[in-house]
Amino acid sequence: KKVYRLLHRKLMFHRVGVKEGNLFQPTYVYPEEVKMLVR
């Protein structure tokens, strides 16, 4: 959970997937490689 939260924070900091003027945070779906690494 901590790894995914930190990864989410980093993606939000760089505004990955956030459209200009959109106030909603996206729900990130990580690649299978990330899931396999963490698991």
PDB file of all heavy atoms in Angstrom:
ATOM      1  N   LYS A   1       0.828  -1.202   0.000  1.00  0.00           N
ATOM      2  CA  LYS A   1       0.000   0.000   0.000  1.00  0.00           C
ATOM      3  C   LYS A   1       0.863   1.253   0.000  1.00  0.00           C
ATOM      4  O   LYS A   1       0.579   2.223  -0.717  1.00  0.00           O
ATOM      5  CB  LYS A   1      -0.918  -0.014   1.222  1.00  0.00           C
ATOM      6  CG  LYS A   1      -1.907   1.106   1.259  1.00  0.00           C
ATOM      7  CD  LYS A   1      -2.843   0.952   2.452  1.00  0.00           C
ATOM      8  CE  LYS A   1      -3.841   2.069   2.503  1.00  0.00           C
ATOM      9  NZ  LYS A   1      -4.761   1.931   3.642  1.00  0.00           N
ATOM     10  N   LYS A   2       1.941   1.252   0.775  1.00  0.00           N
ATOM     11  CA  LYS A   2       2.853   2.404   0.846  1.00  0.00           C
ATOM     12  C   LYS A   2       3.521   2.649  -0.513  1.00  0.00           C
ATOM     13  O   LYS A   2       3.621   3.788  -0.971  1.00  0.00           O
ATOM     14  CB  LYS A   2       3.904   2.154   1.930  1.00  0.00           C
ATOM     15  CG  LYS A   2       4.927   3.238   2.079  1.00  0.00           C
ATOM     16  CD  LYS A   2       4.354   4.431   2.767  1.00  0.00           C
ATOM     17  CE  LYS A   2       5.436   5.415   3.143  1.00  0.00           C
ATOM     18  NZ  LYS A   2       4.895   6.562   3.848  1.00  0.00           N
ATOM     19  N   VAL A   3       3.974   1.580  -1.170  1.00  0.00           N
ATOM     20  CA  VAL A   3       4.625   1.733  -2.483  1.00  0.00           C
ATOM     21  C   VAL A   3       3.645   2.332  -3.480  1.00  0.00           C
ATOM     22  O   VAL A   3       3.982   3.272  -4.213  1.00  0.00           O
ATOM     23  CB  VAL A   3       5.167   0.382  -2.991  1.00  0.00           C
ATOM     24  CG1 VAL A   3       5.614   0.482  -4.437  1.00  0.00           C
ATOM     25  CG2 VAL A   3       6.310  -0.097  -2.122  1.00  0.00           C
ATOM     26  N   TYR A   4       2.414   1.820  -3.508  1.00  0.00           N
ATOM     27  CA  TYR A   4       1.425   2.347  -4.452  1.00  0.00           C
ATOM     28  C   TYR A   4       1.047   3.788  -4.124  1.00  0.00           C
ATOM     29  O   TYR A   4       0.826   4.591  -5.028  1.00  0.00           O
ATOM     30  CB  TYR A   4       0.184   1.457  -4.483  1.00  0.00           C
ATOM     31  CG  TYR A   4       0.431   0.118  -5.161  1.00  0.00           C
ATOM     32  CD1 TYR A   4       0.110  -1.070  -4.523  1.00  0.00           C
ATOM     33  CD2 TYR A   4       0.990   0.050  -6.429  1.00  0.00           C
ATOM     34  CE1 TYR A   4       0.336  -2.294  -5.136  1.00  0.00           C
ATOM     35  CE2 TYR A   4       1.224  -1.165  -7.047  1.00  0.00           C
ATOM     36  CZ  TYR A   4       0.890  -2.333  -6.396  1.00  0.00           C
ATOM     37  OH  TYR A   4       1.112  -3.536  -7.015  1.00  0.00           O
ATOM     38  N   ARG A   5       0.970   4.139  -2.837  1.00  0.00           N
ATOM     39  CA  ARG A   5       0.669   5.524  -2.461  1.00  0.00           C
ATOM     40  C   ARG A   5       1.788   6.463  -2.891  1.00  0.00           C
ATOM     41  O   ARG A   5       1.542   7.562  -3.386  1.00  0.00           O
ATOM     42  CB  ARG A   5       0.459   5.633  -0.943  1.00  0.00           C
ATOM     43  CG  ARG A   5      -0.937   5.338  -0.531  1.00  0.00           C
ATOM     44  CD  ARG A   5      -1.279   5.696   0.909  1.00  0.00           C
ATOM     45  NE  ARG A   5      -0.287   6.404   1.668  1.00  0.00           N
ATOM     46  CZ  ARG A   5       0.281   5.951   2.794  1.00  0.00           C
ATOM     47  NH1 ARG A   5      -0.035   4.787   3.275  1.00  0.00           N
ATOM     48  NH2 ARG A   5       1.166   6.679   3.428  1.00  0.00           N
ATOM     49  N   LEU A   6       3.045   6.053  -2.686  1.00  0.00           N
ATOM     50  CA  LEU A   6       4.183   6.881  -3.098  1.00  0.00           C
ATOM     51  C   LEU A   6       4.238   7.024  -4.614  1.00  0.00           C
ATOM     52  O   LEU A   6       4.542   8.101  -5.136  1.00  0.00           O
ATOM     53  CB  LEU A   6       5.489   6.293  -2.567  1.00  0.00           C
ATOM     54  CG  LEU A   6       5.687   6.358  -1.060  1.00  0.00           C
ATOM     55  CD1 LEU A   6       6.917   5.557  -0.652  1.00  0.00           C
ATOM     56  CD2 LEU A   6       5.802   7.791  -0.594  1.00  0.00           C
ATOM     57  N   LEU A   7       3.934   5.948  -5.312  1.00  0.00           N
ATOM     58  CA  LEU A   7       3.914   5.991  -6.773  1.00  0.00           C
ATOM     59  C   LEU A   7       2.793   6.909  -7.263  1.00  0.00           C
ATOM     60  O   LEU A   7       2.990   7.715  -8.178  1.00  0.00           O
ATOM     61  CB  LEU A   7       3.741   4.579  -7.322  1.00  0.00           C
ATOM     62  CG  LEU A   7       3.877   4.376  -8.813  1.00  0.00           C
ATOM     63  CD1 LEU A   7       5.177   4.955  -9.340  1.00  0.00           C
ATOM     64  CD2 LEU A   7       3.790   2.902  -9.145  1.00  0.00           C
ATOM     65  N   HIS A   8       1.635   6.821  -6.628  1.00  0.00           N
ATOM     66  CA  HIS A   8       0.512   7.699  -6.974  1.00  0.00           C
ATOM     67  C   HIS A   8       0.883   9.159  -6.727  1.00  0.00           C
ATOM     68  O   HIS A   8       0.589  10.035  -7.547  1.00  0.00           O
ATOM     69  CB  HIS A   8      -0.719   7.309  -6.148  1.00  0.00           C
ATOM     70  CG  HIS A   8      -1.936   8.080  -6.501  1.00  0.00           C
ATOM     71  ND1 HIS A   8      -2.242   9.285  -5.927  1.00  0.00           N
ATOM     72  CD2 HIS A   8      -2.936   7.823  -7.385  1.00  0.00           C
ATOM     73  CE1 HIS A   8      -3.371   9.739  -6.435  1.00  0.00           C
ATOM     74  NE2 HIS A   8      -3.813   8.870  -7.314  1.00  0.00           N
ATOM     75  N   ARG A   9       1.545   9.432  -5.611  1.00  0.00           N
ATOM     76  CA  ARG A   9       1.954  10.801  -5.283  1.00  0.00           C
ATOM     77  C   ARG A   9       2.920  11.347  -6.329  1.00  0.00           C
ATOM     78  O   ARG A   9       2.818  12.498  -6.748  1.00  0.00           O
ATOM     79  CB  ARG A   9       2.603  10.822  -3.901  1.00  0.00           C
ATOM     80  CG  ARG A   9       2.970  12.217  -3.448  1.00  0.00           C
ATOM     81  CD  ARG A   9       3.618  12.213  -2.094  1.00  0.00           C
ATOM     82  NE  ARG A   9       2.723  11.665  -1.102  1.00  0.00           N
ATOM     83  CZ  ARG A   9       3.125  11.202   0.070  1.00  0.00           C
ATOM     84  NH1 ARG A   9       4.390  11.204   0.391  1.00  0.00           N
ATOM     85  NH2 ARG A   9       2.252  10.723   0.928  1.00  0.00           N
ATOM     86  N   LYS A  10       3.854  10.512  -6.772  1.00  0.00           N
ATOM     87  CA  LYS A  10       4.823  10.955  -7.773  1.00  0.00           C
ATOM     88  C   LYS A  10       4.134  11.233  -9.110  1.00  0.00           C
ATOM     89  O   LYS A  10       4.425  12.230  -9.772  1.00  0.00           O
ATOM     90  CB  LYS A  10       5.916   9.909  -7.951  1.00  0.00           C
ATOM     91  CG  LYS A  10       7.045  10.370  -8.831  1.00  0.00           C
ATOM     92  CD  LYS A  10       8.261   9.522  -8.576  1.00  0.00           C
ATOM     93  CE  LYS A  10       9.466  10.026  -9.290  1.00  0.00           C
ATOM     94  NZ  LYS A  10      10.019  11.234  -8.755  1.00  0.00           N
ATOM     95  N   LEU A  11       3.196  10.373  -9.489  1.00  0.00           N
ATOM     96  CA  LEU A  11       2.466  10.593 -10.737  1.00  0.00           C
ATOM     97  C   LEU A  11       1.610  11.857 -10.663  1.00  0.00           C
ATOM     98  O   LEU A  11       1.517  12.613 -11.633  1.00  0.00           O
ATOM     99  CB  LEU A  11       1.598   9.373 -11.055  1.00  0.00           C
ATOM    100  CG  LEU A  11       2.357   8.112 -11.452  1.00  0.00           C
ATOM    101  CD1 LEU A  11       1.430   6.923 -11.489  1.00  0.00           C
ATOM    102  CD2 LEU A  11       3.068   8.293 -12.770  1.00  0.00           C
ATOM    103  N   MET A  12       0.980  12.094  -9.516  1.00  0.00           N
ATOM    104  CA  MET A  12       0.179  13.305  -9.352  1.00  0.00           C
ATOM    105  C   MET A  12       1.054  14.554  -9.339  1.00  0.00           C
ATOM    106  O   MET A  12       0.665  15.598  -9.860  1.00  0.00           O
ATOM    107  CB  MET A  12      -0.646  13.233  -8.063  1.00  0.00           C
ATOM    108  CG  MET A  12      -1.861  12.348  -8.158  1.00  0.00           C
ATOM    109  SD  MET A  12      -3.002  12.826  -9.461  1.00  0.00           S
ATOM    110  CE  MET A  12      -3.486  14.445  -8.929  1.00  0.00           C
ATOM    111  N   PHE A  13       2.243  14.458  -8.742  1.00  0.00           N
ATOM    112  CA  PHE A  13       3.152  15.593  -8.712  1.00  0.00           C
ATOM    113  C   PHE A  13       3.532  16.015 -10.130  1.00  0.00           C
ATOM    114  O   PHE A  13       3.630  17.202 -10.435  1.00  0.00           O
ATOM    115  CB  PHE A  13       4.413  15.236  -7.910  1.00  0.00           C
ATOM    116  CG  PHE A  13       5.427  16.333  -7.864  1.00  0.00           C
ATOM    117  CD1 PHE A  13       5.255  17.416  -7.019  1.00  0.00           C
ATOM    118  CD2 PHE A  13       6.562  16.286  -8.671  1.00  0.00           C
ATOM    119  CE1 PHE A  13       6.196  18.434  -6.976  1.00  0.00           C
ATOM    120  CE2 PHE A  13       7.492  17.297  -8.639  1.00  0.00           C
ATOM    121  CZ  PHE A  13       7.315  18.378  -7.786  1.00  0.00           C
ATOM    122  N   HIS A  14       3.724  15.040 -11.008  1.00  0.00           N
ATOM    123  CA  HIS A  14       4.072  15.326 -12.403  1.00  0.00           C
ATOM    124  C   HIS A  14       2.839  15.457 -13.292  1.00  0.00           C
ATOM    125  O   HIS A  14       2.970  15.595 -14.509  1.00  0.00           O
ATOM    126  CB  HIS A  14       5.003  14.234 -12.941  1.00  0.00           C
ATOM    127  CG  HIS A  14       6.366  14.282 -12.325  1.00  0.00           C
ATOM    128  ND1 HIS A  14       7.306  15.216 -12.663  1.00  0.00           N
ATOM    129  CD2 HIS A  14       6.932  13.532 -11.355  1.00  0.00           C
ATOM    130  CE1 HIS A  14       8.403  15.037 -11.961  1.00  0.00           C
ATOM    131  NE2 HIS A  14       8.194  14.023 -11.150  1.00  0.00           N
ATOM    132  N   ARG A  15       1.659  15.392 -12.675  1.00  0.00           N
ATOM    133  CA  ARG A  15       0.381  15.589 -13.350  1.00  0.00           C
ATOM    134  C   ARG A  15       0.180  14.640 -14.532  1.00  0.00           C
ATOM    135  O   ARG A  15      -0.333  15.017 -15.583  1.00  0.00           O
ATOM    136  CB  ARG A  15       0.210  17.036 -13.772  1.00  0.00           C
ATOM    137  CG  ARG A  15       0.341  17.991 -12.576  1.00  0.00           C
ATOM    138  CD  ARG A  15      -0.120  19.380 -12.797  1.00  0.00           C
ATOM    139  NE  ARG A  15      -1.428  19.581 -13.323  1.00  0.00           N
ATOM    140  CZ  ARG A  15      -2.564  19.536 -12.608  1.00  0.00           C
ATOM    141  NH1 ARG A  15      -2.521  19.252 -11.336  1.00  0.00           N
ATOM    142  NH2 ARG A  15      -3.719  19.778 -13.182  1.00  0.00           N
ATOM    143  N   VAL A  16       0.577  13.392 -14.346  1.00  0.00           N
ATOM    144  CA  VAL A  16       0.391  12.376 -15.379  1.00  0.00           C
ATOM    145  C   VAL A  16      -1.089  12.034 -15.444  1.00  0.00           C
ATOM    146  O   VAL A  16      -1.704  11.670 -14.440  1.00  0.00           O
ATOM    147  CB  VAL A  16       1.223  11.109 -15.057  1.00  0.00           C
ATOM    148  CG1 VAL A  16       0.924   9.999 -16.046  1.00  0.00           C
ATOM    149  CG2 VAL A  16       2.697  11.444 -15.041  1.00  0.00           C
ATOM    150  N   GLY A  17      -1.685  12.183 -16.612  1.00  0.00           N
ATOM    151  CA  GLY A  17      -3.085  11.851 -16.817  1.00  0.00           C
ATOM    152  C   GLY A  17      -4.070  12.882 -16.309  1.00  0.00           C
ATOM    153  O   GLY A  17      -5.273  12.644 -16.346  1.00  0.00           O
ATOM    154  N   VAL A  18      -3.594  14.028 -15.836  1.00  0.00           N
ATOM    155  CA  VAL A  18      -4.482  15.077 -15.343  1.00  0.00           C
ATOM    156  C   VAL A  18      -4.685  16.086 -16.463  1.00  0.00           C
ATOM    157  O   VAL A  18      -3.730  16.660 -16.970  1.00  0.00           O
ATOM    158  CB  VAL A  18      -3.892  15.768 -14.092  1.00  0.00           C
ATOM    159  CG1 VAL A  18      -4.802  16.892 -13.615  1.00  0.00           C
ATOM    160  CG2 VAL A  18      -3.662  14.764 -12.983  1.00  0.00           C
ATOM    161  N   LYS A  19      -5.932  16.283 -16.833  1.00  0.00           N
ATOM    162  CA  LYS A  19      -6.233  17.243 -17.892  1.00  0.00           C
ATOM    163  C   LYS A  19      -6.252  18.653 -17.327  1.00  0.00           C
ATOM    164  O   LYS A  19      -6.592  18.868 -16.168  1.00  0.00           O
ATOM    165  CB  LYS A  19      -7.582  16.900 -18.520  1.00  0.00           C
ATOM    166  CG  LYS A  19      -7.576  15.566 -19.231  1.00  0.00           C
ATOM    167  CD  LYS A  19      -8.938  15.247 -19.799  1.00  0.00           C
ATOM    168  CE  LYS A  19      -8.939  13.943 -20.528  1.00  0.00           C
ATOM    169  NZ  LYS A  19      -8.914  12.789 -19.655  1.00  0.00           N
ATOM    170  N   GLU A  20      -5.883  19.609 -18.130  1.00  0.00           N
ATOM    171  CA  GLU A  20      -5.853  21.016 -17.717  1.00  0.00           C
ATOM    172  C   GLU A  20      -7.235  21.460 -17.277  1.00  0.00           C
ATOM    173  O   GLU A  20      -8.210  21.272 -17.988  1.00  0.00           O
ATOM    174  CB  GLU A  20      -5.354  21.884 -18.873  1.00  0.00           C
ATOM    175  CG  GLU A  20      -4.971  23.278 -18.477  1.00  0.00           C
ATOM    176  CD  GLU A  20      -3.777  23.318 -17.529  1.00  0.00           C
ATOM    177  OE1 GLU A  20      -2.873  22.503 -17.703  1.00  0.00           O
ATOM    178  OE2 GLU A  20      -3.786  24.158 -16.618  1.00  0.00           O
ATOM    179  N   GLY A  21      -7.318  22.043 -16.103  1.00  0.00           N
ATOM    180  CA  GLY A  21      -8.582  22.542 -15.580  1.00  0.00           C
ATOM    181  C   GLY A  21      -9.444  21.489 -14.904  1.00  0.00           C
ATOM    182  O   GLY A  21     -10.501  21.800 -14.371  1.00  0.00           O
ATOM    183  N   ASN A  22      -9.012  20.226 -14.924  1.00  0.00           N
ATOM    184  CA  ASN A  22      -9.770  19.147 -14.298  1.00  0.00           C
ATOM    185  C   ASN A  22      -9.390  19.070 -12.821  1.00  0.00           C
ATOM    186  O   ASN A  22      -8.217  18.982 -12.478  1.00  0.00           O
ATOM    187  CB  ASN A  22      -9.473  17.826 -15.001  1.00  0.00           C
ATOM    188  CG  ASN A  22     -10.432  16.731 -14.583  1.00  0.00           C
ATOM    189  OD1 ASN A  22     -11.241  16.904 -13.672  1.00  0.00           O
ATOM    190  ND2 ASN A  22     -10.336  15.605 -15.252  1.00  0.00           N
ATOM    191  N   LEU A  23     -10.372  19.112 -11.942  1.00  0.00           N
ATOM    192  CA  LEU A  23     -10.111  19.079 -10.509  1.00  0.00           C
ATOM    193  C   LEU A  23     -10.088  17.665  -9.935  1.00  0.00           C
ATOM    194  O   LEU A  23      -9.735  17.475  -8.779  1.00  0.00           O
ATOM    195  CB  LEU A  23     -11.161  19.918  -9.766  1.00  0.00           C
ATOM    196  CG  LEU A  23     -11.213  21.388 -10.148  1.00  0.00           C
ATOM    197  CD1 LEU A  23     -12.323  22.083  -9.380  1.00  0.00           C
ATOM    198  CD2 LEU A  23      -9.883  22.064  -9.872  1.00  0.00           C
ATOM    199  N   PHE A  24     -10.493  16.677 -10.709  1.00  0.00           N
ATOM    200  CA  PHE A  24     -10.560  15.311 -10.214  1.00  0.00           C
ATOM    201  C   PHE A  24      -9.237  14.596 -10.407  1.00  0.00           C
ATOM    202  O   PHE A  24      -8.584  14.742 -11.438  1.00  0.00           O
ATOM    203  CB  PHE A  24     -11.675  14.537 -10.917  1.00  0.00           C
ATOM    204  CG  PHE A  24     -13.034  15.090 -10.638  1.00  0.00           C
ATOM    205  CD1 PHE A  24     -13.689  15.864 -11.579  1.00  0.00           C
ATOM    206  CD2 PHE A  24     -13.652  14.856  -9.420  1.00  0.00           C
ATOM    207  CE1 PHE A  24     -14.940  16.386 -11.325  1.00  0.00           C
ATOM    208  CE2 PHE A  24     -14.904  15.368  -9.151  1.00  0.00           C
ATOM    209  CZ  PHE A  24     -15.553  16.137 -10.099  1.00  0.00           C
ATOM    210  N   GLN A  25      -8.854  13.807  -9.400  1.00  0.00           N
ATOM    211  CA  GLN A  25      -7.642  12.995  -9.513  1.00  0.00           C
ATOM    212  C   GLN A  25      -7.984  11.724 -10.264  1.00  0.00           C
ATOM    213  O   GLN A  25      -8.997  11.092  -9.984  1.00  0.00           O
ATOM    214  CB  GLN A  25      -7.114  12.622  -8.135  1.00  0.00           C
ATOM    215  CG  GLN A  25      -6.617  13.767  -7.320  1.00  0.00           C
ATOM    216  CD  GLN A  25      -6.043  13.287  -5.988  1.00  0.00           C
ATOM    217  OE1 GLN A  25      -6.026  12.106  -5.693  1.00  0.00           O
ATOM    218  NE2 GLN A  25      -5.563  14.218  -5.209  1.00  0.00           N
ATOM    219  N   PRO A  26      -7.124  11.326 -11.192  1.00  0.00           N
ATOM    220  CA  PRO A  26      -7.399  10.068 -11.893  1.00  0.00           C
ATOM    221  C   PRO A  26      -7.111   8.865 -10.996  1.00  0.00           C
ATOM    222  O   PRO A  26      -6.360   8.954 -10.035  1.00  0.00           O
ATOM    223  CB  PRO A  26      -6.436  10.113 -13.077  1.00  0.00           C
ATOM    224  CG  PRO A  26      -5.333  10.981 -12.630  1.00  0.00           C
ATOM    225  CD  PRO A  26      -5.928  11.984 -11.698  1.00  0.00           C
ATOM    226  N   THR A  27      -7.722   7.756 -11.341  1.00  0.00           N
ATOM    227  CA  THR A  27      -7.398   6.483 -10.708  1.00  0.00           C
ATOM    228  C   THR A  27      -6.361   5.825 -11.597  1.00  0.00           C
ATOM    229  O   THR A  27      -6.612   5.585 -12.778  1.00  0.00           O
ATOM    230  CB  THR A  27      -8.649   5.590 -10.616  1.00  0.00           C
ATOM    231  OG1 THR A  27      -9.636   6.280  -9.840  1.00  0.00           O
ATOM    232  CG2 THR A  27      -8.324   4.261  -9.977  1.00  0.00           C
ATOM    233  N   TYR A  28      -5.191   5.580 -11.051  1.00  0.00           N
ATOM    234  CA  TYR A  28      -4.108   5.012 -11.852  1.00  0.00           C
ATOM    235  C   TYR A  28      -4.176   3.493 -11.843  1.00  0.00           C
ATOM    236  O   TYR A  28      -4.345   2.865 -10.802  1.00  0.00           O
ATOM    237  CB  TYR A  28      -2.756   5.455 -11.307  1.00  0.00           C
ATOM    238  CG  TYR A  28      -2.480   6.924 -11.497  1.00  0.00           C
ATOM    239  CD1 TYR A  28      -2.301   7.764 -10.413  1.00  0.00           C
ATOM    240  CD2 TYR A  28      -2.398   7.476 -12.764  1.00  0.00           C
ATOM    241  CE1 TYR A  28      -2.049   9.106 -10.575  1.00  0.00           C
ATOM    242  CE2 TYR A  28      -2.150   8.827 -12.945  1.00  0.00           C
ATOM    243  CZ  TYR A  28      -1.972   9.637 -11.847  1.00  0.00           C
ATOM    244  OH  TYR A  28      -1.729  10.964 -12.021  1.00  0.00           O
ATOM    245  N   VAL A  29      -4.030   2.903 -13.011  1.00  0.00           N
ATOM    246  CA  VAL A  29      -3.876   1.462 -13.160  1.00  0.00           C
ATOM    247  C   VAL A  29      -2.442   1.253 -13.631  1.00  0.00           C
ATOM    248  O   VAL A  29      -2.051   1.738 -14.692  1.00  0.00           O
ATOM    249  CB  VAL A  29      -4.895   0.880 -14.168  1.00  0.00           C
ATOM    250  CG1 VAL A  29      -4.634  -0.601 -14.385  1.00  0.00           C
ATOM    251  CG2 VAL A  29      -6.304   1.120 -13.680  1.00  0.00           C
ATOM    252  N   TYR A  30      -1.671   0.561 -12.815  1.00  0.00           N
ATOM    253  CA  TYR A  30      -0.241   0.394 -13.082  1.00  0.00           C
ATOM    254  C   TYR A  30      -0.007  -0.780 -14.024  1.00  0.00           C
ATOM    255  O   TYR A  30      -0.793  -1.722 -14.074  1.00  0.00           O
ATOM    256  CB  TYR A  30       0.507   0.187 -11.772  1.00  0.00           C
ATOM    257  CG  TYR A  30       0.285   1.331 -10.805  1.00  0.00           C
ATOM    258  CD1 TYR A  30      -0.486   1.165  -9.663  1.00  0.00           C
ATOM    259  CD2 TYR A  30       0.803   2.587 -11.065  1.00  0.00           C
ATOM    260  CE1 TYR A  30      -0.710   2.226  -8.796  1.00  0.00           C
ATOM    261  CE2 TYR A  30       0.573   3.649 -10.215  1.00  0.00           C
ATOM    262  CZ  TYR A  30      -0.183   3.458  -9.083  1.00  0.00           C
ATOM    263  OH  TYR A  30      -0.413   4.505  -8.243  1.00  0.00           O
ATOM    264  N   PRO A  31       1.118  -0.747 -14.750  1.00  0.00           N
ATOM    265  CA  PRO A  31       1.432  -1.862 -15.644  1.00  0.00           C
ATOM    266  C   PRO A  31       1.667  -3.156 -14.857  1.00  0.00           C
ATOM    267  O   PRO A  31       1.998  -3.124 -13.670  1.00  0.00           O
ATOM    268  CB  PRO A  31       2.714  -1.418 -16.361  1.00  0.00           C
ATOM    269  CG  PRO A  31       3.113  -0.130 -15.794  1.00  0.00           C
ATOM    270  CD  PRO A  31       2.100   0.317 -14.807  1.00  0.00           C
ATOM    271  N   GLU A  32       1.495  -4.264 -15.518  1.00  0.00           N
ATOM    272  CA  GLU A  32       1.683  -5.569 -14.875  1.00  0.00           C
ATOM    273  C   GLU A  32       3.096  -5.721 -14.306  1.00  0.00           C
ATOM    274  O   GLU A  32       3.284  -6.371 -13.287  1.00  0.00           O
ATOM    275  CB  GLU A  32       1.405  -6.700 -15.870  1.00  0.00           C
ATOM    276  CG  GLU A  32      -0.062  -6.962 -16.078  1.00  0.00           C
ATOM    277  CD  GLU A  32      -0.789  -7.350 -14.793  1.00  0.00           C
ATOM    278  OE1 GLU A  32      -0.274  -8.189 -14.028  1.00  0.00           O
ATOM    279  OE2 GLU A  32      -1.874  -6.800 -14.553  1.00  0.00           O
ATOM    280  N   GLU A  33       4.083  -5.102 -14.951  1.00  0.00           N
ATOM    281  CA  GLU A  33       5.461  -5.204 -14.454  1.00  0.00           C
ATOM    282  C   GLU A  33       5.601  -4.583 -13.071  1.00  0.00           C
ATOM    283  O   GLU A  33       6.311  -5.115 -12.216  1.00  0.00           O
ATOM    284  CB  GLU A  33       6.437  -4.529 -15.430  1.00  0.00           C
ATOM    285  CG  GLU A  33       6.589  -5.240 -16.753  1.00  0.00           C
ATOM    286  CD  GLU A  33       5.507  -4.897 -17.774  1.00  0.00           C
ATOM    287  OE1 GLU A  33       4.597  -4.119 -17.454  1.00  0.00           O
ATOM    288  OE2 GLU A  33       5.575  -5.433 -18.887  1.00  0.00           O
ATOM    289  N   VAL A  34       4.916  -3.468 -12.837  1.00  0.00           N
ATOM    290  CA  VAL A  34       4.962  -2.827 -11.518  1.00  0.00           C
ATOM    291  C   VAL A  34       4.291  -3.719 -10.492  1.00  0.00           C
ATOM    292  O   VAL A  34       4.817  -3.938  -9.389  1.00  0.00           O
ATOM    293  CB  VAL A  34       4.293  -1.435 -11.550  1.00  0.00           C
ATOM    294  CG1 VAL A  34       4.155  -0.860 -10.160  1.00  0.00           C
ATOM    295  CG2 VAL A  34       5.065  -0.489 -12.442  1.00  0.00           C
ATOM    296  N   LYS A  35       3.149  -4.267 -10.848  1.00  0.00           N
ATOM    297  CA  LYS A  35       2.435  -5.152  -9.928  1.00  0.00           C
ATOM    298  C   LYS A  35       3.282  -6.384  -9.601  1.00  0.00           C
ATOM    299  O   LYS A  35       3.364  -6.801  -8.447  1.00  0.00           O
ATOM    300  CB  LYS A  35       1.099  -5.580 -10.522  1.00  0.00           C
ATOM    301  CG  LYS A  35       0.121  -4.437 -10.698  1.00  0.00           C
ATOM    302  CD  LYS A  35      -1.140  -4.933 -11.369  1.00  0.00           C
ATOM    303  CE  LYS A  35      -2.074  -3.811 -11.719  1.00  0.00           C
ATOM    304  NZ  LYS A  35      -3.270  -4.262 -12.427  1.00  0.00           N
ATOM    305  N   MET A  36       3.912  -6.977 -10.620  1.00  0.00           N
ATOM    306  CA  MET A  36       4.738  -8.156 -10.387  1.00  0.00           C
ATOM    307  C   MET A  36       5.945  -7.824  -9.516  1.00  0.00           C
ATOM    308  O   MET A  36       6.339  -8.615  -8.656  1.00  0.00           O
ATOM    309  CB  MET A  36       5.194  -8.761 -11.722  1.00  0.00           C
ATOM    310  CG  MET A  36       4.065  -9.419 -12.496  1.00  0.00           C
ATOM    311  SD  MET A  36       4.564 -10.324 -13.980  1.00  0.00           S
ATOM    312  CE  MET A  36       5.551  -9.139 -14.861  1.00  0.00           C
ATOM    313  N   LEU A  37       6.547  -6.649  -9.730  1.00  0.00           N
ATOM    314  CA  LEU A  37       7.689  -6.229  -8.919  1.00  0.00           C
ATOM    315  C   LEU A  37       7.289  -6.093  -7.455  1.00  0.00           C
ATOM    316  O   LEU A  37       7.942  -6.652  -6.567  1.00  0.00           O
ATOM    317  CB  LEU A  37       8.253  -4.902  -9.428  1.00  0.00           C
ATOM    318  CG  LEU A  37       9.302  -4.242  -8.543  1.00  0.00           C
ATOM    319  CD1 LEU A  37      10.588  -5.039  -8.558  1.00  0.00           C
ATOM    320  CD2 LEU A  37       9.547  -2.817  -8.969  1.00  0.00           C
ATOM    321  N   VAL A  38       6.221  -5.359  -7.195  1.00  0.00           N
ATOM    322  CA  VAL A  38       5.793  -5.126  -5.812  1.00  0.00           C
ATOM    323  C   VAL A  38       5.391  -6.441  -5.157  1.00  0.00           C
ATOM    324  O   VAL A  38       5.729  -6.707  -4.000  1.00  0.00           O
ATOM    325  CB  VAL A  38       4.645  -4.100  -5.771  1.00  0.00           C
ATOM    326  CG1 VAL A  38       4.081  -3.964  -4.377  1.00  0.00           C
ATOM    327  CG2 VAL A  38       5.130  -2.751  -6.281  1.00  0.00           C
ATOM    328  N   ARG A  39       4.713  -7.297  -5.890  1.00  0.00           N
ATOM    329  CA  ARG A  39       4.289  -8.587  -5.333  1.00  0.00           C
ATOM    330  C   ARG A  39       5.455  -9.536  -5.125  1.00  0.00           C
ATOM    331  O   ARG A  39       5.414 -10.380  -4.235  1.00  0.00           O
ATOM    332  CB  ARG A  39       3.252  -9.232  -6.242  1.00  0.00           C
ATOM    333  CG  ARG A  39       1.945  -8.486  -6.236  1.00  0.00           C
ATOM    334  CD  ARG A  39       0.985  -9.030  -7.250  1.00  0.00           C
ATOM    335  NE  ARG A  39      -0.270  -8.275  -7.199  1.00  0.00           N
ATOM    336  CZ  ARG A  39      -1.293  -8.539  -7.973  1.00  0.00           C
ATOM    337  NH1 ARG A  39      -1.235  -9.512  -8.851  1.00  0.00           N
ATOM    338  NH2 ARG A  39      -2.391  -7.816  -7.876  1.00  0.00           N
TER     339      ARG A  39
END
